[in-house]
Amino acid sequence: MSVCTSLSDEVLVRRLVELTEAGLPLVADPWAWLADELGLEVDDTLALLQRLQAEGAIRRIAAVPNHYRLGYRHNGMTVWDVDDAEIDRLGALIGAQPFVSHCYRRPRREGWPYNLFAMVHGRDASDIEAYRNQIRALLGSACRANEMLVSSRILKKTGLRLAAQRRA
């Protein structure tokens, strides 16, 4: 089954994404607001969201806290050289840690042996170093090498914005 079943469905889905990509408004009933903006009933809006989630177009609907405002001002992308045969298992293990916000498998490149990436967040530099050490302990002998890439400045921090693309 495809995400869109007709041109009007495609327009509706695109409008839904544009309305929600920056988050839902802080109103008493965000689903009613969204339904009103889409010209749908609330039940139809929820059914559309559930369908898009079932089809994989939407991974999840969740609150996304601003970790900087919560006091987590330090982060580091930890990069790991682990055996390719073990990476799926190890990635799931590392990704399940509460201090890891995202975990990726990436291809190795010439001069860059790392294939497992995990972003960690902490209140200070010692937190993120401790998390790196915890990951190292979890990986054990499967870890051949690792580094931590630390942000020095945020240049841009947003997800894909379809509404902005359409205006460009």
N, C-alpha and C. Protein backbone atom coordinates (compact mmCIF):
# COMPACT_ATOMS: atom_id res chain seq x y z
N MET A 1 0.85 -1.18 0.00
CA MET A 1 0.00 0.00 0.00
C MET A 1 0.89 1.24 0.00
N SER A 2 0.56 2.22 -0.79
CA SER A 2 1.36 3.44 -0.83
C SER A 2 0.81 4.46 0.16
N VAL A 3 1.65 5.42 0.49
CA VAL A 3 1.25 6.46 1.43
C VAL A 3 0.10 7.28 0.86
N CYS A 4 0.13 7.58 -0.42
CA CYS A 4 -0.91 8.38 -1.06
C CYS A 4 -1.71 7.51 -2.02
N THR A 5 -3.03 7.65 -1.97
CA THR A 5 -3.89 6.86 -2.84
C THR A 5 -4.45 7.68 -3.99
N SER A 6 -4.30 8.98 -3.95
CA SER A 6 -4.76 9.84 -5.04
C SER A 6 -4.04 11.16 -4.95
N LEU A 7 -4.21 11.99 -5.99
CA LEU A 7 -3.58 13.30 -5.97
C LEU A 7 -4.10 14.12 -4.80
N SER A 8 -5.41 14.07 -4.55
CA SER A 8 -5.94 14.84 -3.43
C SER A 8 -5.40 14.30 -2.11
N ASP A 9 -5.19 12.98 -2.03
CA ASP A 9 -4.59 12.38 -0.84
C ASP A 9 -3.15 12.87 -0.69
N GLU A 10 -2.43 12.96 -1.80
CA GLU A 10 -1.05 13.46 -1.77
C GLU A 10 -1.01 14.89 -1.25
N VAL A 11 -1.93 15.72 -1.71
CA VAL A 11 -2.00 17.11 -1.26
C VAL A 11 -2.33 17.15 0.23
N LEU A 12 -3.25 16.32 0.66
CA LEU A 12 -3.64 16.26 2.07
C LEU A 12 -2.46 15.83 2.95
N VAL A 13 -1.74 14.81 2.52
CA VAL A 13 -0.58 14.32 3.29
C VAL A 13 0.49 15.41 3.36
N ARG A 14 0.76 16.06 2.25
CA ARG A 14 1.76 17.13 2.24
C ARG A 14 1.34 18.25 3.19
N ARG A 15 0.06 18.62 3.17
CA ARG A 15 -0.44 19.67 4.06
C ARG A 15 -0.30 19.24 5.52
N LEU A 16 -0.59 17.98 5.81
CA LEU A 16 -0.45 17.47 7.17
C LEU A 16 1.01 17.60 7.63
N VAL A 17 1.93 17.23 6.76
CA VAL A 17 3.36 17.33 7.11
C VAL A 17 3.74 18.78 7.33
N GLU A 18 3.31 19.66 6.46
CA GLU A 18 3.64 21.09 6.61
C GLU A 18 3.09 21.65 7.92
N LEU A 19 1.90 21.22 8.31
CA LEU A 19 1.29 21.72 9.55
C LEU A 19 1.97 21.19 10.80
N THR A 20 2.56 20.01 10.70
CA THR A 20 3.10 19.36 11.91
C THR A 20 4.62 19.29 11.98
N GLU A 21 5.32 19.63 10.90
CA GLU A 21 6.77 19.44 10.87
C GLU A 21 7.52 20.25 11.93
N ALA A 22 6.98 21.36 12.35
CA ALA A 22 7.63 22.16 13.39
C ALA A 22 7.00 21.89 14.76
N GLY A 23 6.10 20.92 14.83
CA GLY A 23 5.45 20.58 16.09
C GLY A 23 4.00 21.02 16.10
N LEU A 24 3.25 20.42 16.98
CA LEU A 24 1.85 20.80 17.15
C LEU A 24 1.77 22.01 18.08
N PRO A 25 0.75 22.83 17.93
CA PRO A 25 0.62 23.99 18.82
C PRO A 25 0.23 23.54 20.23
N LEU A 26 0.57 24.36 21.20
CA LEU A 26 0.20 24.08 22.58
C LEU A 26 -1.22 24.60 22.81
N VAL A 27 -2.18 23.79 22.42
CA VAL A 27 -3.60 24.11 22.57
C VAL A 27 -4.26 22.96 23.32
N ALA A 28 -5.47 23.20 23.81
CA ALA A 28 -6.17 22.19 24.60
C ALA A 28 -6.36 20.89 23.84
N ASP A 29 -6.66 20.96 22.55
CA ASP A 29 -6.89 19.76 21.75
C ASP A 29 -6.15 19.88 20.42
N PRO A 30 -4.88 19.50 20.38
CA PRO A 30 -4.12 19.65 19.13
C PRO A 30 -4.69 18.84 17.97
N TRP A 31 -5.34 17.71 18.28
CA TRP A 31 -5.91 16.89 17.20
C TRP A 31 -7.09 17.62 16.55
N ALA A 32 -7.90 18.30 17.36
CA ALA A 32 -9.01 19.08 16.81
C ALA A 32 -8.47 20.24 15.97
N TRP A 33 -7.40 20.88 16.45
CA TRP A 33 -6.79 21.97 15.68
C TRP A 33 -6.32 21.45 14.32
N LEU A 34 -5.62 20.31 14.34
CA LEU A 34 -5.09 19.75 13.10
C LEU A 34 -6.22 19.36 12.16
N ALA A 35 -7.25 18.73 12.70
CA ALA A 35 -8.40 18.34 11.87
C ALA A 35 -9.04 19.56 11.24
N ASP A 36 -9.20 20.62 12.02
CA ASP A 36 -9.80 21.85 11.50
C ASP A 36 -8.95 22.44 10.37
N GLU A 37 -7.64 22.46 10.57
CA GLU A 37 -6.73 22.99 9.55
C GLU A 37 -6.77 22.17 8.26
N LEU A 38 -7.00 20.86 8.40
CA LEU A 38 -7.04 19.97 7.24
C LEU A 38 -8.43 19.88 6.61
N GLY A 39 -9.43 20.39 7.33
CA GLY A 39 -10.80 20.28 6.84
C GLY A 39 -11.37 18.89 7.00
N LEU A 40 -10.92 18.18 8.03
CA LEU A 40 -11.35 16.81 8.29
C LEU A 40 -11.99 16.72 9.66
N GLU A 41 -12.63 15.60 9.92
CA GLU A 41 -13.09 15.27 11.26
C GLU A 41 -11.89 14.75 12.05
N VAL A 42 -11.95 14.86 13.37
CA VAL A 42 -10.84 14.40 14.22
C VAL A 42 -10.57 12.91 13.98
N ASP A 43 -11.62 12.10 13.92
CA ASP A 43 -11.42 10.65 13.71
C ASP A 43 -10.70 10.38 12.38
N ASP A 44 -11.05 11.13 11.34
CA ASP A 44 -10.41 10.94 10.04
C ASP A 44 -8.95 11.38 10.09
N THR A 45 -8.67 12.44 10.83
CA THR A 45 -7.30 12.92 10.98
C THR A 45 -6.45 11.88 11.71
N LEU A 46 -6.99 11.33 12.79
CA LEU A 46 -6.26 10.30 13.54
C LEU A 46 -6.07 9.05 12.70
N ALA A 47 -7.07 8.69 11.91
CA ALA A 47 -6.93 7.52 11.03
C ALA A 47 -5.84 7.75 9.98
N LEU A 48 -5.77 8.97 9.45
CA LEU A 48 -4.73 9.30 8.48
C LEU A 48 -3.35 9.20 9.12
N LEU A 49 -3.20 9.74 10.32
CA LEU A 49 -1.92 9.66 11.03
C LEU A 49 -1.54 8.20 11.30
N GLN A 50 -2.51 7.40 11.72
CA GLN A 50 -2.23 5.99 12.00
C GLN A 50 -1.83 5.26 10.72
N ARG A 51 -2.49 5.57 9.62
CA ARG A 51 -2.15 4.93 8.34
C ARG A 51 -0.73 5.29 7.92
N LEU A 52 -0.38 6.57 8.05
CA LEU A 52 0.96 7.01 7.67
C LEU A 52 2.02 6.37 8.55
N GLN A 53 1.68 6.18 9.82
CA GLN A 53 2.62 5.52 10.72
C GLN A 53 2.75 4.04 10.35
N ALA A 54 1.65 3.38 10.06
CA ALA A 54 1.69 1.96 9.69
C ALA A 54 2.47 1.75 8.40
N GLU A 55 2.42 2.73 7.49
CA GLU A 55 3.12 2.62 6.21
C GLU A 55 4.58 3.07 6.30
N GLY A 56 4.98 3.57 7.47
CA GLY A 56 6.37 3.98 7.65
C GLY A 56 6.68 5.40 7.25
N ALA A 57 5.69 6.16 6.82
CA ALA A 57 5.93 7.56 6.44
C ALA A 57 6.15 8.43 7.68
N ILE A 58 5.52 8.05 8.78
CA ILE A 58 5.72 8.71 10.08
C ILE A 58 6.25 7.64 11.01
N ARG A 59 7.41 7.90 11.61
CA ARG A 59 7.97 6.91 12.53
C ARG A 59 7.24 6.92 13.87
N ARG A 60 7.02 8.12 14.38
CA ARG A 60 6.34 8.23 15.67
C ARG A 60 5.86 9.65 15.87
N ILE A 61 4.96 9.80 16.80
CA ILE A 61 4.48 11.11 17.21
C ILE A 61 4.83 11.22 18.68
N ALA A 62 5.67 12.19 19.01
CA ALA A 62 6.16 12.29 20.38
C ALA A 62 6.60 13.71 20.69
N ALA A 63 6.67 14.00 21.97
CA ALA A 63 7.24 15.28 22.40
C ALA A 63 8.74 15.23 22.13
N VAL A 64 9.29 16.34 21.66
CA VAL A 64 10.73 16.43 21.41
C VAL A 64 11.26 17.56 22.29
N PRO A 65 11.81 17.21 23.44
CA PRO A 65 12.31 18.26 24.34
C PRO A 65 13.57 18.92 23.77
N ASN A 66 13.75 20.18 24.11
CA ASN A 66 14.97 20.90 23.75
C ASN A 66 15.99 20.59 24.85
N HIS A 67 16.94 19.72 24.55
CA HIS A 67 17.87 19.28 25.59
C HIS A 67 18.74 20.42 26.12
N TYR A 68 18.99 21.43 25.31
CA TYR A 68 19.77 22.58 25.79
C TYR A 68 19.02 23.31 26.89
N ARG A 69 17.73 23.53 26.68
CA ARG A 69 16.92 24.23 27.69
C ARG A 69 16.74 23.40 28.95
N LEU A 70 16.90 22.09 28.84
CA LEU A 70 16.80 21.22 30.00
C LEU A 70 18.14 21.07 30.73
N GLY A 71 19.16 21.78 30.27
CA GLY A 71 20.45 21.75 30.94
C GLY A 71 21.46 20.78 30.36
N TYR A 72 21.11 20.08 29.29
CA TYR A 72 22.04 19.15 28.65
C TYR A 72 22.75 19.90 27.53
N ARG A 73 23.80 20.63 27.91
CA ARG A 73 24.47 21.54 26.99
C ARG A 73 25.68 20.93 26.28
N HIS A 74 26.04 19.73 26.63
CA HIS A 74 27.19 19.08 26.01
C HIS A 74 26.71 17.85 25.25
N ASN A 75 27.31 17.65 24.08
CA ASN A 75 26.99 16.45 23.31
C ASN A 75 28.23 16.02 22.55
N GLY A 76 28.23 14.78 22.20
CA GLY A 76 29.33 14.25 21.40
C GLY A 76 28.84 13.12 20.53
N MET A 77 29.31 13.11 19.30
CA MET A 77 29.03 11.98 18.41
C MET A 77 30.16 10.99 18.63
N THR A 78 29.85 9.89 19.29
CA THR A 78 30.85 8.85 19.48
C THR A 78 30.86 7.98 18.23
N VAL A 79 32.05 7.65 17.77
CA VAL A 79 32.19 6.83 16.56
C VAL A 79 33.03 5.61 16.91
N TRP A 80 32.61 4.46 16.40
CA TRP A 80 33.16 3.19 16.82
C TRP A 80 33.50 2.31 15.62
N ASP A 81 34.62 1.64 15.72
CA ASP A 81 35.01 0.64 14.73
C ASP A 81 34.68 -0.72 15.34
N VAL A 82 33.59 -1.32 14.87
CA VAL A 82 33.19 -2.62 15.38
C VAL A 82 33.05 -3.60 14.21
N ASP A 83 33.09 -4.87 14.53
CA ASP A 83 32.97 -5.92 13.52
C ASP A 83 31.63 -5.79 12.80
N ASP A 84 31.67 -5.80 11.48
CA ASP A 84 30.45 -5.67 10.68
C ASP A 84 29.44 -6.78 10.99
N ALA A 85 29.92 -7.95 11.33
CA ALA A 85 29.03 -9.07 11.63
C ALA A 85 28.25 -8.86 12.92
N GLU A 86 28.74 -7.98 13.79
CA GLU A 86 28.12 -7.73 15.09
C GLU A 86 27.40 -6.39 15.16
N ILE A 87 27.48 -5.58 14.12
CA ILE A 87 27.03 -4.20 14.23
C ILE A 87 25.53 -4.06 14.51
N ASP A 88 24.69 -4.89 13.93
CA ASP A 88 23.25 -4.77 14.18
C ASP A 88 22.92 -5.03 15.65
N ARG A 89 23.50 -6.07 16.19
CA ARG A 89 23.27 -6.40 17.61
C ARG A 89 23.82 -5.30 18.51
N LEU A 90 25.06 -4.87 18.23
CA LEU A 90 25.69 -3.85 19.06
C LEU A 90 24.99 -2.50 18.91
N GLY A 91 24.57 -2.17 17.71
CA GLY A 91 23.85 -0.92 17.49
C GLY A 91 22.55 -0.88 18.28
N ALA A 92 21.82 -1.99 18.31
CA ALA A 92 20.58 -2.05 19.09
C ALA A 92 20.88 -1.89 20.58
N LEU A 93 21.96 -2.50 21.05
CA LEU A 93 22.36 -2.40 22.45
C LEU A 93 22.70 -0.96 22.81
N ILE A 94 23.51 -0.32 21.99
CA ILE A 94 23.93 1.06 22.26
C ILE A 94 22.74 2.01 22.11
N GLY A 95 21.95 1.83 21.07
CA GLY A 95 20.79 2.69 20.84
C GLY A 95 19.77 2.64 21.96
N ALA A 96 19.75 1.57 22.73
CA ALA A 96 18.80 1.42 23.83
C ALA A 96 19.24 2.17 25.09
N GLN A 97 20.46 2.70 25.11
CA GLN A 97 20.94 3.40 26.30
C GLN A 97 20.21 4.73 26.45
N PRO A 98 19.83 5.10 27.67
CA PRO A 98 19.03 6.32 27.85
C PRO A 98 19.77 7.61 27.49
N PHE A 99 21.07 7.60 27.47
CA PHE A 99 21.85 8.80 27.16
C PHE A 99 22.18 8.92 25.68
N VAL A 100 21.74 7.96 24.87
CA VAL A 100 21.98 7.98 23.41
C VAL A 100 20.71 8.46 22.72
N SER A 101 20.81 9.58 21.99
CA SER A 101 19.62 10.11 21.31
C SER A 101 19.43 9.49 19.94
N HIS A 102 20.50 9.14 19.27
CA HIS A 102 20.39 8.44 18.00
C HIS A 102 21.66 7.63 17.74
N CYS A 103 21.46 6.54 17.02
CA CYS A 103 22.54 5.60 16.77
C CYS A 103 22.42 5.13 15.33
N TYR A 104 23.52 5.17 14.59
CA TYR A 104 23.51 4.87 13.16
C TYR A 104 24.61 3.90 12.78
N ARG A 105 24.33 3.12 11.75
CA ARG A 105 25.37 2.35 11.06
C ARG A 105 25.76 3.18 9.84
N ARG A 106 27.05 3.35 9.62
CA ARG A 106 27.54 4.12 8.48
C ARG A 106 28.63 3.33 7.77
N PRO A 107 28.79 3.55 6.48
CA PRO A 107 29.86 2.84 5.76
C PRO A 107 31.23 3.39 6.16
N ARG A 108 32.20 2.52 6.16
CA ARG A 108 33.58 2.94 6.40
C ARG A 108 34.07 3.66 5.14
N ARG A 109 35.01 4.55 5.32
CA ARG A 109 35.64 5.26 4.19
C ARG A 109 37.15 5.14 4.35
N GLU A 110 37.86 5.38 3.28
CA GLU A 110 39.31 5.33 3.33
C GLU A 110 39.81 6.32 4.38
N GLY A 111 40.61 5.84 5.30
CA GLY A 111 41.13 6.68 6.37
C GLY A 111 40.14 6.90 7.51
N TRP A 112 38.96 6.31 7.43
CA TRP A 112 37.92 6.48 8.45
C TRP A 112 37.32 5.11 8.74
N PRO A 113 37.81 4.42 9.78
CA PRO A 113 37.41 3.04 10.02
C PRO A 113 36.08 2.87 10.76
N TYR A 114 35.44 3.96 11.15
CA TYR A 114 34.28 3.88 12.04
C TYR A 114 32.99 3.56 11.29
N ASN A 115 32.23 2.62 11.85
CA ASN A 115 30.99 2.20 11.21
C ASN A 115 29.77 2.28 12.12
N LEU A 116 29.95 2.63 13.38
CA LEU A 116 28.84 2.77 14.32
C LEU A 116 28.93 4.14 14.97
N PHE A 117 27.86 4.91 14.88
CA PHE A 117 27.83 6.28 15.39
C PHE A 117 26.74 6.38 16.45
N ALA A 118 27.03 7.02 17.58
CA ALA A 118 26.03 7.19 18.64
C ALA A 118 26.18 8.58 19.25
N MET A 119 25.11 9.37 19.23
CA MET A 119 25.12 10.71 19.81
C MET A 119 24.75 10.62 21.29
N VAL A 120 25.60 11.21 22.13
CA VAL A 120 25.34 11.22 23.58
C VAL A 120 25.20 12.66 24.05
N HIS A 121 24.41 12.86 25.09
CA HIS A 121 24.15 14.19 25.64
C HIS A 121 24.38 14.17 27.14
N GLY A 122 24.95 15.26 27.67
CA GLY A 122 25.17 15.37 29.10
C GLY A 122 25.16 16.81 29.55
N ARG A 123 25.17 16.99 30.86
CA ARG A 123 25.15 18.35 31.42
C ARG A 123 26.53 19.01 31.33
N ASP A 124 27.58 18.19 31.33
CA ASP A 124 28.93 18.75 31.21
C ASP A 124 29.82 17.76 30.46
N ALA A 125 31.05 18.18 30.21
CA ALA A 125 31.98 17.35 29.42
C ALA A 125 32.28 16.02 30.11
N SER A 126 32.29 16.02 31.44
CA SER A 126 32.58 14.76 32.14
C SER A 126 31.45 13.75 31.94
N ASP A 127 30.22 14.23 31.82
CA ASP A 127 29.09 13.32 31.55
C ASP A 127 29.29 12.58 30.24
N ILE A 128 29.59 13.34 29.18
CA ILE A 128 29.67 12.67 27.88
C ILE A 128 30.88 11.74 27.79
N GLU A 129 31.94 12.08 28.50
CA GLU A 129 33.09 11.17 28.54
C GLU A 129 32.73 9.90 29.31
N ALA A 130 31.96 10.04 30.39
CA ALA A 130 31.52 8.85 31.15
C ALA A 130 30.61 7.97 30.28
N TYR A 131 29.76 8.59 29.48
CA TYR A 131 28.88 7.82 28.59
C TYR A 131 29.70 7.09 27.52
N ARG A 132 30.70 7.76 27.02
CA ARG A 132 31.60 7.11 26.05
C ARG A 132 32.24 5.87 26.69
N ASN A 133 32.68 6.01 27.92
CA ASN A 133 33.29 4.87 28.62
C ASN A 133 32.28 3.74 28.84
N GLN A 134 31.03 4.10 29.13
CA GLN A 134 29.99 3.08 29.29
C GLN A 134 29.76 2.32 27.99
N ILE A 135 29.73 3.06 26.88
CA ILE A 135 29.56 2.41 25.58
C ILE A 135 30.75 1.49 25.30
N ARG A 136 31.96 1.99 25.59
CA ARG A 136 33.16 1.18 25.37
C ARG A 136 33.07 -0.12 26.17
N ALA A 137 32.59 -0.04 27.41
CA ALA A 137 32.45 -1.24 28.24
C ALA A 137 31.41 -2.19 27.66
N LEU A 138 30.31 -1.65 27.15
CA LEU A 138 29.27 -2.49 26.54
C LEU A 138 29.78 -3.20 25.28
N LEU A 139 30.59 -2.50 24.51
CA LEU A 139 31.11 -3.08 23.27
C LEU A 139 32.21 -4.10 23.54
N GLY A 140 32.93 -3.91 24.63
CA GLY A 140 33.98 -4.86 25.01
C GLY A 140 34.99 -5.07 23.90
N SER A 141 35.36 -6.32 23.68
CA SER A 141 36.40 -6.63 22.70
C SER A 141 35.93 -6.42 21.26
N ALA A 142 34.64 -6.19 21.05
CA ALA A 142 34.14 -5.90 19.70
C ALA A 142 34.56 -4.52 19.22
N CYS A 143 34.99 -3.66 20.16
CA CYS A 143 35.43 -2.31 19.81
C CYS A 143 36.92 -2.32 19.50
N ARG A 144 37.25 -1.96 18.26
CA ARG A 144 38.66 -1.91 17.86
C ARG A 144 39.24 -0.51 18.00
N ALA A 145 38.40 0.52 17.84
CA ALA A 145 38.86 1.91 17.96
C ALA A 145 37.62 2.79 18.13
N ASN A 146 37.83 3.99 18.67
CA ASN A 146 36.72 4.93 18.80
C ASN A 146 37.24 6.35 18.94
N GLU A 147 36.38 7.28 18.66
CA GLU A 147 36.65 8.71 18.82
C GLU A 147 35.36 9.36 19.31
N MET A 148 35.49 10.60 19.79
CA MET A 148 34.30 11.39 20.11
C MET A 148 34.44 12.74 19.42
N LEU A 149 33.46 13.06 18.59
CA LEU A 149 33.42 14.33 17.88
C LEU A 149 32.51 15.26 18.68
N VAL A 150 33.07 16.36 19.16
CA VAL A 150 32.32 17.27 20.03
C VAL A 150 31.98 18.53 19.26
N SER A 151 30.73 18.96 19.38
CA SER A 151 30.29 20.18 18.71
C SER A 151 30.96 21.39 19.34
N SER A 152 31.38 22.31 18.50
CA SER A 152 31.93 23.56 19.02
C SER A 152 30.92 24.69 18.86
N ARG A 153 29.99 24.53 17.89
CA ARG A 153 28.99 25.56 17.66
C ARG A 153 27.87 24.96 16.82
N ILE A 154 26.62 25.34 17.12
CA ILE A 154 25.48 24.90 16.31
C ILE A 154 25.34 25.87 15.15
N LEU A 155 25.39 25.33 13.95
CA LEU A 155 25.22 26.16 12.75
C LEU A 155 23.77 26.13 12.27
N LYS A 156 23.14 24.99 12.38
CA LYS A 156 21.73 24.85 12.01
C LYS A 156 21.20 23.62 12.72
N LYS A 157 19.99 23.71 13.21
CA LYS A 157 19.39 22.56 13.89
C LYS A 157 17.89 22.54 13.61
N THR A 158 17.52 21.96 12.49
CA THR A 158 16.11 21.73 12.17
C THR A 158 16.03 20.46 11.35
N GLY A 159 14.86 19.91 11.29
CA GLY A 159 14.62 18.78 10.41
C GLY A 159 14.22 19.29 9.03
N LEU A 160 13.84 18.37 8.19
CA LEU A 160 13.35 18.71 6.86
C LEU A 160 12.10 19.58 7.00
N ARG A 161 12.05 20.65 6.26
CA ARG A 161 10.89 21.55 6.29
C ARG A 161 10.32 21.64 4.88
N LEU A 162 9.25 20.91 4.61
CA LEU A 162 8.63 20.91 3.28
C LEU A 162 8.03 22.26 2.94
N ALA A 163 7.44 22.94 3.93
CA ALA A 163 6.82 24.23 3.66
C ALA A 163 7.85 25.23 3.16
N ALA A 164 9.03 25.23 3.73
CA ALA A 164 10.10 26.15 3.31
C ALA A 164 10.58 25.79 1.91
N GLN A 165 10.64 24.50 1.59
CA GLN A 165 11.06 24.08 0.25
C GLN A 165 10.08 24.57 -0.80
N ARG A 166 8.80 24.50 -0.48
CA ARG A 166 7.79 24.90 -1.44
C ARG A 166 7.86 26.40 -1.73
N ARG A 167 8.21 27.19 -0.71
CA ARG A 167 8.31 28.65 -0.90
C ARG A 167 9.56 29.03 -1.68
N ALA A 168 10.60 28.18 -1.65
CA ALA A 168 11.88 28.52 -2.30
C ALA A 168 11.78 28.48 -3.81
